[in-house]
PDB file of N, CA and C in Angstrom:
ATOM      1  N   UNK A   1     -24.180   6.308  29.926  1.00  0.00           N
ATOM      2  CA  UNK A   1     -23.729   7.372  29.359  1.00  0.00           C
ATOM      3  C   UNK A   1     -23.003   6.766  28.368  1.00  0.00           C
ATOM      4  N   UNK A   2     -22.011   6.534  28.554  1.00  0.00           N
ATOM      5  CA  UNK A   2     -20.489   5.967  27.889  1.00  0.00           C
ATOM      6  C   UNK A   2     -20.852   4.553  27.189  1.00  0.00           C
ATOM      7  N   UNK A   3     -22.144   3.563  27.931  1.00  0.00           N
ATOM      8  CA  UNK A   3     -22.725   2.544  26.697  1.00  0.00           C
ATOM      9  C   UNK A   3     -22.853   2.563  25.592  1.00  0.00           C
ATOM     10  N   UNK A   4     -24.412   3.382  25.957  1.00  0.00           N
ATOM     11  CA  UNK A   4     -24.604   4.397  24.715  1.00  0.00           C
ATOM     12  C   UNK A   4     -24.049   4.669  23.676  1.00  0.00           C
ATOM     13  N   UNK A   5     -23.030   5.820  23.632  1.00  0.00           N
ATOM     14  CA  UNK A   5     -22.298   6.598  22.959  1.00  0.00           C
ATOM     15  C   UNK A   5     -21.099   4.528  22.482  1.00  0.00           C
ATOM     16  N   UNK A   6     -20.768   4.124  23.113  1.00  0.00           N
ATOM     17  CA  UNK A   6     -19.734   2.919  22.301  1.00  0.00           C
ATOM     18  C   UNK A   6     -21.056   1.882  21.358  1.00  0.00           C
ATOM     19  N   UNK A   7     -21.933   1.883  21.826  1.00  0.00           N
ATOM     20  CA  UNK A   7     -23.376   1.180  21.138  1.00  0.00           C
ATOM     21  C   UNK A   7     -23.335   2.085  19.839  1.00  0.00           C
ATOM     22  N   UNK A   8     -23.152   3.233  20.089  1.00  0.00           N
ATOM     23  CA  UNK A   8     -23.797   3.629  18.442  1.00  0.00           C
ATOM     24  C   UNK A   8     -22.358   4.004  17.433  1.00  0.00           C
ATOM     25  N   UNK A   9     -20.911   3.777  18.176  1.00  0.00           N
ATOM     26  CA  UNK A   9     -19.892   4.178  17.002  1.00  0.00           C
ATOM     27  C   UNK A   9     -19.549   2.611  16.993  1.00  0.00           C
ATOM     28  N   UNK A  10     -19.817   1.877  17.362  1.00  0.00           N
ATOM     29  CA  UNK A  10     -19.918   0.205  16.631  1.00  0.00           C
ATOM     30  C   UNK A  10     -21.107  -0.263  16.062  1.00  0.00           C
ATOM     31  N   UNK A  11     -22.359   0.688  15.822  1.00  0.00           N
ATOM     32  CA  UNK A  11     -23.753  -0.069  15.253  1.00  0.00           C
ATOM     33  C   UNK A  11     -23.049   0.159  13.584  1.00  0.00           C
ATOM     34  N   UNK A  12     -23.973  -0.920  13.226  1.00  0.00           N
ATOM     35  CA  UNK A  12     -24.160  -0.915  11.374  1.00  0.00           C
ATOM     36  C   UNK A  12     -25.481  -0.735  11.268  1.00  0.00           C
ATOM     37  N   UNK A  13     -25.704  -0.783   9.673  1.00  0.00           N
ATOM     38  CA  UNK A  13     -26.542  -0.961   9.162  1.00  0.00           C
ATOM     39  C   UNK A  13     -26.623  -2.633   8.642  1.00  0.00           C
ATOM     40  N   UNK A  14     -27.177  -3.011   8.447  1.00  0.00           N
ATOM     41  CA  UNK A  14     -27.441  -4.335   8.372  1.00  0.00           C
ATOM     42  C   UNK A  14     -28.834  -4.683   7.523  1.00  0.00           C
ATOM     43  N   UNK A  15     -28.555  -5.318   5.814  1.00  0.00           N
ATOM     44  CA  UNK A  15     -30.590  -5.359   5.024  1.00  0.00           C
ATOM     45  C   UNK A  15     -30.052  -6.428   5.092  1.00  0.00           C
ATOM     46  N   UNK A  16     -30.559  -7.472   4.777  1.00  0.00           N
ATOM     47  CA  UNK A  16     -30.787  -8.826   4.398  1.00  0.00           C
ATOM     48  C   UNK A  16     -32.339  -9.566   3.801  1.00  0.00           C
ATOM     49  N   UNK A  17     -32.139  -9.907   2.696  1.00  0.00           N
ATOM     50  CA  UNK A  17     -33.568 -10.566   2.576  1.00  0.00           C
ATOM     51  C   UNK A  17     -33.042 -11.827   2.147  1.00  0.00           C
ATOM     52  N   UNK A  18     -33.749 -12.842   2.346  1.00  0.00           N
ATOM     53  CA  UNK A  18     -33.562 -14.528   2.144  1.00  0.00           C
ATOM     54  C   UNK A  18     -35.032 -15.000   1.469  1.00  0.00           C
ATOM     55  N   UNK A  19     -34.434 -15.613   0.518  1.00  0.00           N
ATOM     56  CA  UNK A  19     -36.164 -16.931  -0.530  1.00  0.00           C
ATOM     57  C   UNK A  19     -35.111 -17.947   0.277  1.00  0.00           C
ATOM     58  N   UNK A  20     -35.671 -19.220   0.437  1.00  0.00           N
ATOM     59  CA  UNK A  20     -35.765 -20.308   0.776  1.00  0.00           C
ATOM     60  C   UNK A  20     -35.468 -21.404  -0.202  1.00  0.00           C
ATOM     61  N   UNK A  21     -36.165 -21.106  -0.949  1.00  0.00           N
ATOM     62  CA  UNK A  21     -36.145 -22.300  -2.145  1.00  0.00           C
ATOM     63  C   UNK A  21     -35.670 -22.265  -2.975  1.00  0.00           C
ATOM     64  N   UNK A  22     -34.990 -21.084  -3.527  1.00  0.00           N
ATOM     65  CA  UNK A  22     -33.921 -21.045  -4.669  1.00  0.00           C
ATOM     66  C   UNK A  22     -32.636 -20.230  -4.163  1.00  0.00           C
ATOM     67  N   UNK A  23     -32.739 -20.363  -2.597  1.00  0.00           N
ATOM     68  CA  UNK A  23     -31.181 -20.234  -2.470  1.00  0.00           C
ATOM     69  C   UNK A  23     -30.521 -18.897  -2.412  1.00  0.00           C
ATOM     70  N   UNK A  24     -31.744 -17.504  -2.486  1.00  0.00           N
ATOM     71  CA  UNK A  24     -31.131 -16.129  -2.782  1.00  0.00           C
ATOM     72  C   UNK A  24     -31.085 -15.949  -1.452  1.00  0.00           C
ATOM     73  N   UNK A  25     -29.835 -14.348  -1.418  1.00  0.00           N
ATOM     74  CA  UNK A  25     -29.731 -14.134  -0.361  1.00  0.00           C
ATOM     75  C   UNK A  25     -29.143 -12.774  -0.930  1.00  0.00           C
ATOM     76  N   UNK A  26     -30.007 -11.746  -0.223  1.00  0.00           N
ATOM     77  CA  UNK A  26     -29.699 -10.236  -0.808  1.00  0.00           C
ATOM     78  C   UNK A  26     -28.973  -9.221   0.659  1.00  0.00           C
ATOM     79  N   UNK A  27     -27.452  -8.704   0.452  1.00  0.00           N
ATOM     80  CA  UNK A  27     -27.362  -8.470   1.474  1.00  0.00           C
ATOM     81  C   UNK A  27     -26.901  -6.608   0.643  1.00  0.00           C
ATOM     82  N   UNK A  28     -26.369  -5.624   1.829  1.00  0.00           N
ATOM     83  CA  UNK A  28     -26.277  -4.289   1.540  1.00  0.00           C
ATOM     84  C   UNK A  28     -25.632  -4.119   3.360  1.00  0.00           C
ATOM     85  N   UNK A  29     -24.929  -4.177   3.469  1.00  0.00           N
ATOM     86  CA  UNK A  29     -23.951  -3.628   4.871  1.00  0.00           C
ATOM     87  C   UNK A  29     -23.093  -2.456   4.899  1.00  0.00           C
ATOM     88  N   UNK A  30     -23.510  -1.520   6.283  1.00  0.00           N
ATOM     89  CA  UNK A  30     -22.729  -0.454   5.991  1.00  0.00           C
ATOM     90  C   UNK A  30     -22.433  -0.566   7.574  1.00  0.00           C
ATOM     91  N   UNK A  31     -20.963  -0.258   7.675  1.00  0.00           N
ATOM     92  CA  UNK A  31     -20.470   0.187   9.141  1.00  0.00           C
ATOM     93  C   UNK A  31     -19.251  -0.772   9.560  1.00  0.00           C
ATOM     94  N   UNK A  32     -18.769  -1.235  10.626  1.00  0.00           N
ATOM     95  CA  UNK A  32     -17.321  -1.519  10.812  1.00  0.00           C
ATOM     96  C   UNK A  32     -17.502  -2.956  11.677  1.00  0.00           C
ATOM     97  N   UNK A  33     -16.510  -3.195  11.747  1.00  0.00           N
ATOM     98  CA  UNK A  33     -16.473  -4.574  12.242  1.00  0.00           C
ATOM     99  C   UNK A  33     -17.671  -5.828  12.609  1.00  0.00           C
ATOM    100  N   UNK A  34     -17.752  -6.239  11.231  1.00  0.00           N
ATOM    101  CA  UNK A  34     -19.389  -6.877  10.665  1.00  0.00           C
ATOM    102  C   UNK A  34     -18.798  -8.343   9.810  1.00  0.00           C
ATOM    103  N   UNK A  35     -19.318  -9.447  10.768  1.00  0.00           N
ATOM    104  CA  UNK A  35     -19.051 -10.763  10.028  1.00  0.00           C
ATOM    105  C   UNK A  35     -20.332 -11.386   9.559  1.00  0.00           C
ATOM    106  N   UNK A  36     -20.189 -11.283   8.062  1.00  0.00           N
ATOM    107  CA  UNK A  36     -21.161 -12.053   7.560  1.00  0.00           C
ATOM    108  C   UNK A  36     -20.794 -13.270   6.640  1.00  0.00           C
ATOM    109  N   UNK A  37     -21.530 -14.433   7.489  1.00  0.00           N
ATOM    110  CA  UNK A  37     -21.051 -15.953   7.265  1.00  0.00           C
ATOM    111  C   UNK A  37     -22.340 -17.202   6.452  1.00  0.00           C
ATOM    112  N   UNK A  38     -22.185 -16.836   5.105  1.00  0.00           N
ATOM    113  CA  UNK A  38     -23.581 -17.352   4.438  1.00  0.00           C
ATOM    114  C   UNK A  38     -23.164 -18.472   3.525  1.00  0.00           C
ATOM    115  N   UNK A  39     -23.427 -19.694   3.820  1.00  0.00           N
ATOM    116  CA  UNK A  39     -23.688 -21.204   3.640  1.00  0.00           C
ATOM    117  C   UNK A  39     -24.433 -21.324   2.869  1.00  0.00           C
ATOM    118  N   UNK A  40     -24.313 -21.921   1.549  1.00  0.00           N
ATOM    119  CA  UNK A  40     -26.028 -22.209   0.225  1.00  0.00           C
ATOM    120  C   UNK A  40     -24.937 -23.946   0.035  1.00  0.00           C
ATOM    121  N   UNK A  41     -26.026 -24.811   0.416  1.00  0.00           N
ATOM    122  CA  UNK A  41     -25.824 -26.316  -0.286  1.00  0.00           C
ATOM    123  C   UNK A  41     -27.015 -26.593  -0.865  1.00  0.00           C
ATOM    124  N   UNK A  42     -26.855 -26.922  -2.172  1.00  0.00           N
ATOM    125  CA  UNK A  42     -27.994 -27.645  -3.144  1.00  0.00           C
ATOM    126  C   UNK A  42     -28.593 -26.698  -3.463  1.00  0.00           C
ATOM    127  N   UNK A  43     -29.828 -26.504  -5.076  1.00  0.00           N
ATOM    128  CA  UNK A  43     -30.233 -25.804  -5.462  1.00  0.00           C
ATOM    129  C   UNK A  43     -29.887 -24.397  -5.930  1.00  0.00           C
ATOM    130  N   UNK A  44     -30.373 -23.767  -6.700  1.00  0.00           N
ATOM    131  CA  UNK A  44     -30.057 -22.823  -7.745  1.00  0.00           C
ATOM    132  C   UNK A  44     -29.004 -21.106  -7.152  1.00  0.00           C
ATOM    133  N   UNK A  45     -28.497 -21.073  -5.921  1.00  0.00           N
ATOM    134  CA  UNK A  45     -27.883 -20.209  -4.979  1.00  0.00           C
ATOM    135  C   UNK A  45     -27.571 -19.057  -5.444  1.00  0.00           C
ATOM    136  N   UNK A  46     -27.465 -17.775  -4.944  1.00  0.00           N
ATOM    137  CA  UNK A  46     -27.166 -16.631  -5.316  1.00  0.00           C
ATOM    138  C   UNK A  46     -26.973 -15.590  -4.109  1.00  0.00           C
ATOM    139  N   UNK A  47     -26.144 -14.749  -4.393  1.00  0.00           N
ATOM    140  CA  UNK A  47     -25.932 -13.785  -3.381  1.00  0.00           C
ATOM    141  C   UNK A  47     -25.365 -12.750  -4.591  1.00  0.00           C
ATOM    142  N   UNK A  48     -26.670 -11.728  -4.016  1.00  0.00           N
ATOM    143  CA  UNK A  48     -26.246 -10.349  -4.722  1.00  0.00           C
ATOM    144  C   UNK A  48     -26.493  -9.619  -4.214  1.00  0.00           C
ATOM    145  N   UNK A  49     -26.913  -7.984  -4.174  1.00  0.00           N
ATOM    146  CA  UNK A  49     -27.367  -6.826  -3.651  1.00  0.00           C
ATOM    147  C   UNK A  49     -28.932  -6.703  -4.422  1.00  0.00           C
ATOM    148  N   UNK A  50     -29.600  -6.175  -3.999  1.00  0.00           N
ATOM    149  CA  UNK A  50     -30.721  -5.480  -3.998  1.00  0.00           C
ATOM    150  C   UNK A  50     -30.995  -5.794  -5.493  1.00  0.00           C
ATOM    151  N   UNK A  51     -32.300  -6.246  -6.340  1.00  0.00           N
ATOM    152  CA  UNK A  51     -32.639  -5.846  -7.356  1.00  0.00           C
ATOM    153  C   UNK A  51     -31.144  -6.559  -8.839  1.00  0.00           C
ATOM    154  N   UNK A  52     -30.371  -7.742  -8.218  1.00  0.00           N
ATOM    155  CA  UNK A  52     -29.618  -8.187  -8.555  1.00  0.00           C
ATOM    156  C   UNK A  52     -27.864  -7.743  -8.933  1.00  0.00           C
ATOM    157  N   UNK A  53     -28.098  -6.228  -8.085  1.00  0.00           N
ATOM    158  CA  UNK A  53     -26.995  -5.508  -8.281  1.00  0.00           C
ATOM    159  C   UNK A  53     -25.651  -5.927  -6.717  1.00  0.00           C
ATOM    160  N   UNK A  54     -24.902  -6.140  -7.357  1.00  0.00           N
ATOM    161  CA  UNK A  54     -23.538  -6.634  -6.698  1.00  0.00           C
ATOM    162  C   UNK A  54     -24.108  -6.094  -5.142  1.00  0.00           C
ATOM    163  N   UNK A  55     -23.637  -6.973  -3.861  1.00  0.00           N
ATOM    164  CA  UNK A  55     -23.580  -6.786  -2.335  1.00  0.00           C
ATOM    165  C   UNK A  55     -22.734  -5.240  -2.356  1.00  0.00           C
ATOM    166  N   UNK A  56     -23.005  -4.557  -1.338  1.00  0.00           N
ATOM    167  CA  UNK A  56     -21.994  -3.641  -1.105  1.00  0.00           C
ATOM    168  C   UNK A  56     -22.094  -3.768   0.295  1.00  0.00           C
ATOM    169  N   UNK A  57     -20.728  -4.318   0.586  1.00  0.00           N
ATOM    170  CA  UNK A  57     -19.930  -4.222   1.391  1.00  0.00           C
ATOM    171  C   UNK A  57     -19.271  -2.738   2.333  1.00  0.00           C
ATOM    172  N   UNK A  58     -19.619  -1.522   2.709  1.00  0.00           N
ATOM    173  CA  UNK A  58     -18.840  -0.569   3.312  1.00  0.00           C
ATOM    174  C   UNK A  58     -18.509  -0.701   4.612  1.00  0.00           C
ATOM    175  N   UNK A  59     -17.430  -0.259   4.915  1.00  0.00           N
ATOM    176  CA  UNK A  59     -17.034  -0.174   6.227  1.00  0.00           C
ATOM    177  C   UNK A  59     -15.605  -0.699   6.365  1.00  0.00           C
ATOM    178  N   UNK A  60     -15.039  -0.494   7.699  1.00  0.00           N
ATOM    179  CA  UNK A  60     -13.883  -1.113   7.755  1.00  0.00           C
ATOM    180  C   UNK A  60     -13.628  -2.650   8.571  1.00  0.00           C
ATOM    181  N   UNK A  61     -12.719  -3.664   8.631  1.00  0.00           N
ATOM    182  CA  UNK A  61     -12.570  -4.519   9.337  1.00  0.00           C
ATOM    183  C   UNK A  61     -14.070  -5.286   9.391  1.00  0.00           C
ATOM    184  N   UNK A  62     -14.369  -5.542   8.109  1.00  0.00           N
ATOM    185  CA  UNK A  62     -15.433  -6.378   8.035  1.00  0.00           C
ATOM    186  C   UNK A  62     -15.292  -8.155   7.400  1.00  0.00           C
ATOM    187  N   UNK A  63     -16.026  -8.463   7.364  1.00  0.00           N
ATOM    188  CA  UNK A  63     -15.672 -10.084   6.970  1.00  0.00           C
ATOM    189  C   UNK A  63     -16.947 -10.528   6.377  1.00  0.00           C
ATOM    190  N   UNK A  64     -16.671 -11.459   4.910  1.00  0.00           N
ATOM    191  CA  UNK A  64     -17.776 -11.846   4.684  1.00  0.00           C
ATOM    192  C   UNK A  64     -17.205 -13.308   3.884  1.00  0.00           C
ATOM    193  N   UNK A  65     -17.809 -13.959   4.310  1.00  0.00           N
ATOM    194  CA  UNK A  65     -17.452 -15.530   3.967  1.00  0.00           C
ATOM    195  C   UNK A  65     -18.907 -16.549   3.548  1.00  0.00           C
ATOM    196  N   UNK A  66     -18.163 -16.854   1.993  1.00  0.00           N
ATOM    197  CA  UNK A  66     -19.767 -17.236   1.721  1.00  0.00           C
ATOM    198  C   UNK A  66     -19.363 -18.404   0.620  1.00  0.00           C
ATOM    199  N   UNK A  67     -20.111 -19.731   1.151  1.00  0.00           N
ATOM    200  CA  UNK A  67     -19.708 -21.055   0.896  1.00  0.00           C
ATOM    201  C   UNK A  67     -20.993 -21.781   0.216  1.00  0.00           C
ATOM    202  N   UNK A  68     -20.872 -21.955  -1.116  1.00  0.00           N
ATOM    203  CA  UNK A  68     -21.741 -22.625  -2.042  1.00  0.00           C
ATOM    204  C   UNK A  68     -22.167 -23.978  -2.946  1.00  0.00           C
ATOM    205  N   UNK A  69     -22.182 -24.939  -1.765  1.00  0.00           N
ATOM    206  CA  UNK A  69     -22.163 -25.676  -2.605  1.00  0.00           C
ATOM    207  C   UNK A  69     -21.114 -26.714  -1.777  1.00  0.00           C
ATOM    208  N   UNK A  70     -21.327 -28.083  -1.418  1.00  0.00           N
ATOM    209  CA  UNK A  70     -19.978 -28.658  -0.465  1.00  0.00           C
ATOM    210  C   UNK A  70     -20.124 -29.994  -0.937  1.00  0.00           C
ATOM    211  N   UNK A  71     -19.147 -30.892  -1.043  1.00  0.00           N
ATOM    212  CA  UNK A  71     -18.752 -32.203  -1.215  1.00  0.00           C
ATOM    213  C   UNK A  71     -19.834 -32.840  -2.738  1.00  0.00           C
ATOM    214  N   UNK A  72     -20.636 -33.708  -3.019  1.00  0.00           N
ATOM    215  CA  UNK A  72     -21.067 -34.474  -3.693  1.00  0.00           C
ATOM    216  C   UNK A  72     -22.934 -33.576  -3.916  1.00  0.00           C
ATOM    217  N   UNK A  73     -22.712 -32.255  -3.087  1.00  0.00           N
ATOM    218  CA  UNK A  73     -23.746 -31.282  -3.404  1.00  0.00           C
ATOM    219  C   UNK A  73     -23.661 -30.588  -4.777  1.00  0.00           C
ATOM    220  N   UNK A  74     -24.992 -30.073  -5.336  1.00  0.00           N
ATOM    221  CA  UNK A  74     -25.232 -29.863  -6.355  1.00  0.00           C
ATOM    222  C   UNK A  74     -25.111 -28.254  -6.325  1.00  0.00           C
ATOM    223  N   UNK A  75     -24.125 -27.105  -6.456  1.00  0.00           N
ATOM    224  CA  UNK A  75     -24.940 -25.992  -5.812  1.00  0.00           C
ATOM    225  C   UNK A  75     -25.574 -24.844  -7.287  1.00  0.00           C
ATOM    226  N   UNK A  76     -25.773 -25.721  -8.513  1.00  0.00           N
ATOM    227  CA  UNK A  76     -26.814 -25.105  -9.370  1.00  0.00           C
ATOM    228  C   UNK A  76     -25.947 -24.097  -9.916  1.00  0.00           C
ATOM    229  N   UNK A  77     -26.543 -22.396  -9.572  1.00  0.00           N
ATOM    230  CA  UNK A  77     -25.760 -20.947 -10.378  1.00  0.00           C
ATOM    231  C   UNK A  77     -24.897 -20.691  -9.888  1.00  0.00           C
ATOM    232  N   UNK A  78     -24.540 -21.284  -8.721  1.00  0.00           N
ATOM    233  CA  UNK A  78     -23.521 -20.096  -7.982  1.00  0.00           C
ATOM    234  C   UNK A  78     -23.442 -18.624  -8.276  1.00  0.00           C
ATOM    235  N   UNK A  79     -24.338 -17.998  -8.135  1.00  0.00           N
ATOM    236  CA  UNK A  79     -23.930 -16.783  -8.322  1.00  0.00           C
ATOM    237  C   UNK A  79     -23.186 -15.976  -7.350  1.00  0.00           C
ATOM    238  N   UNK A  80     -22.229 -15.078  -6.775  1.00  0.00           N
ATOM    239  CA  UNK A  80     -21.604 -14.115  -6.163  1.00  0.00           C
ATOM    240  C   UNK A  80     -21.779 -13.116  -6.894  1.00  0.00           C
ATOM    241  N   UNK A  81     -21.935 -11.790  -6.572  1.00  0.00           N
ATOM    242  CA  UNK A  81     -21.259 -10.682  -6.817  1.00  0.00           C
ATOM    243  C   UNK A  81     -21.223  -9.640  -5.508  1.00  0.00           C
ATOM    244  N   UNK A  82     -19.866  -9.107  -5.450  1.00  0.00           N
ATOM    245  CA  UNK A  82     -19.472  -8.778  -4.056  1.00  0.00           C
ATOM    246  C   UNK A  82     -18.459  -6.992  -4.629  1.00  0.00           C
ATOM    247  N   UNK A  83     -19.382  -6.313  -3.572  1.00  0.00           N
ATOM    248  CA  UNK A  83     -18.229  -4.766  -3.814  1.00  0.00           C
ATOM    249  C   UNK A  83     -17.799  -4.631  -2.980  1.00  0.00           C
ATOM    250  N   UNK A  84     -16.643  -5.052  -2.433  1.00  0.00           N
ATOM    251  CA  UNK A  84     -15.745  -4.621  -0.844  1.00  0.00           C
ATOM    252  C   UNK A  84     -15.184  -3.050  -1.189  1.00  0.00           C
ATOM    253  N   UNK A  85     -15.697  -2.044  -0.216  1.00  0.00           N
ATOM    254  CA  UNK A  85     -15.395  -0.730  -0.176  1.00  0.00           C
ATOM    255  C   UNK A  85     -14.980  -0.344   1.480  1.00  0.00           C
ATOM    256  N   UNK A  86     -14.086   0.454   1.293  1.00  0.00           N
ATOM    257  CA  UNK A  86     -12.932   0.785   2.528  1.00  0.00           C
ATOM    258  C   UNK A  86     -11.909  -0.464   3.050  1.00  0.00           C
ATOM    259  N   UNK A  87     -11.742  -0.165   3.567  1.00  0.00           N
ATOM    260  CA  UNK A  87     -10.194  -0.958   4.177  1.00  0.00           C
ATOM    261  C   UNK A  87     -10.301  -1.746   5.196  1.00  0.00           C
ATOM    262  N   UNK A  88      -9.205  -2.859   5.412  1.00  0.00           N
ATOM    263  CA  UNK A  88      -9.298  -3.936   6.416  1.00  0.00           C
ATOM    264  C   UNK A  88      -9.687  -4.969   6.220  1.00  0.00           C
ATOM    265  N   UNK A  89     -10.490  -5.001   5.579  1.00  0.00           N
ATOM    266  CA  UNK A  89     -12.027  -6.010   5.171  1.00  0.00           C
ATOM    267  C   UNK A  89     -11.312  -7.442   4.476  1.00  0.00           C
ATOM    268  N   UNK A  90     -11.864  -8.317   4.728  1.00  0.00           N
ATOM    269  CA  UNK A  90     -11.792  -9.911   4.559  1.00  0.00           C
ATOM    270  C   UNK A  90     -12.695 -10.635   3.737  1.00  0.00           C
ATOM    271  N   UNK A  91     -12.367 -11.063   1.984  1.00  0.00           N
ATOM    272  CA  UNK A  91     -13.890 -11.888   1.952  1.00  0.00           C
ATOM    273  C   UNK A  91     -13.273 -12.873   1.784  1.00  0.00           C
ATOM    274  N   UNK A  92     -13.455 -14.503   1.540  1.00  0.00           N
ATOM    275  CA  UNK A  92     -13.843 -15.384   0.755  1.00  0.00           C
ATOM    276  C   UNK A  92     -14.934 -16.238   0.985  1.00  0.00           C
ATOM    277  N   UNK A  93     -14.524 -16.624  -0.315  1.00  0.00           N
ATOM    278  CA  UNK A  93     -15.980 -17.034  -1.257  1.00  0.00           C
ATOM    279  C   UNK A  93     -15.178 -19.071  -1.765  1.00  0.00           C
ATOM    280  N   UNK A  94     -16.177 -19.865  -1.790  1.00  0.00           N
ATOM    281  CA  UNK A  94     -15.865 -21.345  -2.236  1.00  0.00           C
ATOM    282  C   UNK A  94     -17.036 -21.676  -2.451  1.00  0.00           C
ATOM    283  N   UNK A  95     -16.778 -21.842  -3.998  1.00  0.00           N
ATOM    284  CA  UNK A  95     -18.007 -21.761  -5.276  1.00  0.00           C
ATOM    285  C   UNK A  95     -17.509 -23.621  -5.802  1.00  0.00           C
ATOM    286  N   UNK A  96     -18.768 -24.410  -5.644  1.00  0.00           N
ATOM    287  CA  UNK A  96     -18.149 -25.662  -6.389  1.00  0.00           C
ATOM    288  C   UNK A  96     -19.320 -25.506  -7.769  1.00  0.00           C
ATOM    289  N   UNK A  97     -19.397 -26.664  -8.632  1.00  0.00           N
ATOM    290  CA  UNK A  97     -20.027 -26.674  -9.834  1.00  0.00           C
ATOM    291  C   UNK A  97     -20.634 -25.372 -10.802  1.00  0.00           C
ATOM    292  N   UNK A  98     -21.688 -24.691 -10.193  1.00  0.00           N
ATOM    293  CA  UNK A  98     -21.946 -23.854 -11.668  1.00  0.00           C
ATOM    294  C   UNK A  98     -21.094 -22.434 -11.436  1.00  0.00           C
ATOM    295  N   UNK A  99     -20.835 -21.563 -10.067  1.00  0.00           N
ATOM    296  CA  UNK A  99     -19.727 -20.591 -10.483  1.00  0.00           C
ATOM    297  C   UNK A  99     -20.363 -19.511 -11.152  1.00  0.00           C
ATOM    298  N   UNK A 100     -20.038 -18.590 -11.121  1.00  0.00           N
ATOM    299  CA  UNK A 100     -20.293 -16.906 -10.803  1.00  0.00           C
ATOM    300  C   UNK A 100     -19.730 -16.115 -10.068  1.00  0.00           C
ATOM    301  N   UNK A 101     -18.348 -15.575 -10.288  1.00  0.00           N
ATOM    302  CA  UNK A 101     -17.899 -14.646  -9.363  1.00  0.00           C
ATOM    303  C   UNK A 101     -17.361 -13.254  -9.780  1.00  0.00           C
ATOM    304  N   UNK A 102     -18.091 -12.118  -9.244  1.00  0.00           N
ATOM    305  CA  UNK A 102     -17.472 -10.947  -9.487  1.00  0.00           C
ATOM    306  C   UNK A 102     -17.402 -10.280  -8.551  1.00  0.00           C
ATOM    307  N   UNK A 103     -16.231  -9.549  -8.107  1.00  0.00           N
ATOM    308  CA  UNK A 103     -15.780  -8.916  -6.859  1.00  0.00           C
ATOM    309  C   UNK A 103     -15.325  -7.783  -7.164  1.00  0.00           C
ATOM    310  N   UNK A 104     -15.099  -6.627  -6.515  1.00  0.00           N
ATOM    311  CA  UNK A 104     -14.053  -5.702  -6.764  1.00  0.00           C
ATOM    312  C   UNK A 104     -14.216  -5.200  -5.444  1.00  0.00           C
ATOM    313  N   UNK A 105     -12.877  -4.716  -5.287  1.00  0.00           N
ATOM    314  CA  UNK A 105     -12.040  -3.764  -4.328  1.00  0.00           C
ATOM    315  C   UNK A 105     -11.642  -2.373  -4.391  1.00  0.00           C
ATOM    316  N   UNK A 106     -11.886  -1.694  -3.593  1.00  0.00           N
ATOM    317  CA  UNK A 106     -11.563  -0.502  -3.698  1.00  0.00           C
ATOM    318  C   UNK A 106     -11.012  -0.135  -2.110  1.00  0.00           C
ATOM    319  N   UNK A 107     -10.064   0.126  -1.576  1.00  0.00           N
ATOM    320  CA  UNK A 107      -9.695   0.485  -0.281  1.00  0.00           C
ATOM    321  C   UNK A 107      -8.248  -0.204  -0.209  1.00  0.00           C
ATOM    322  N   UNK A 108      -7.372   0.182   0.978  1.00  0.00           N
ATOM    323  CA  UNK A 108      -6.386  -0.382   1.243  1.00  0.00           C
ATOM    324  C   UNK A 108      -6.391  -1.834   2.672  1.00  0.00           C
ATOM    325  N   UNK A 109      -5.445  -2.463   1.543  1.00  0.00           N
ATOM    326  CA  UNK A 109      -5.000  -4.120   3.311  1.00  0.00           C
ATOM    327  C   UNK A 109      -6.789  -4.721   2.935  1.00  0.00           C
ATOM    328  N   UNK A 110      -7.001  -4.660   2.103  1.00  0.00           N
ATOM    329  CA  UNK A 110      -8.290  -5.435   2.091  1.00  0.00           C
ATOM    330  C   UNK A 110      -7.755  -7.248   1.221  1.00  0.00           C
ATOM    331  N   UNK A 111      -8.043  -7.890   1.831  1.00  0.00           N
ATOM    332  CA  UNK A 111      -7.824  -9.535   1.467  1.00  0.00           C
ATOM    333  C   UNK A 111      -9.176 -10.459   1.161  1.00  0.00           C
TER     334      UNK A 111
END
């Protein structure tokens, strides 16, 4: 019984949709202590929420790492839109070539 309650308290909702040809990833995440690591090399690239809205990262102590393009690889349009909501979250983005970064951070102790 204790294990089941612990599992429920640490659970999160993660919705991800991927398109391989154009490097598109949709993310809406809700919960605590989640690590999202996305690396896109080459082609069009995009990390957004559903229907082109910003990615929603709700919860505490979450980490989002996004790398678009590497070295001599072209990253195309390099879109990333992210809303970080709640506390003690960490986001790191590395974009090469195309670039577009739109980040909204609400909460305390976010990096």
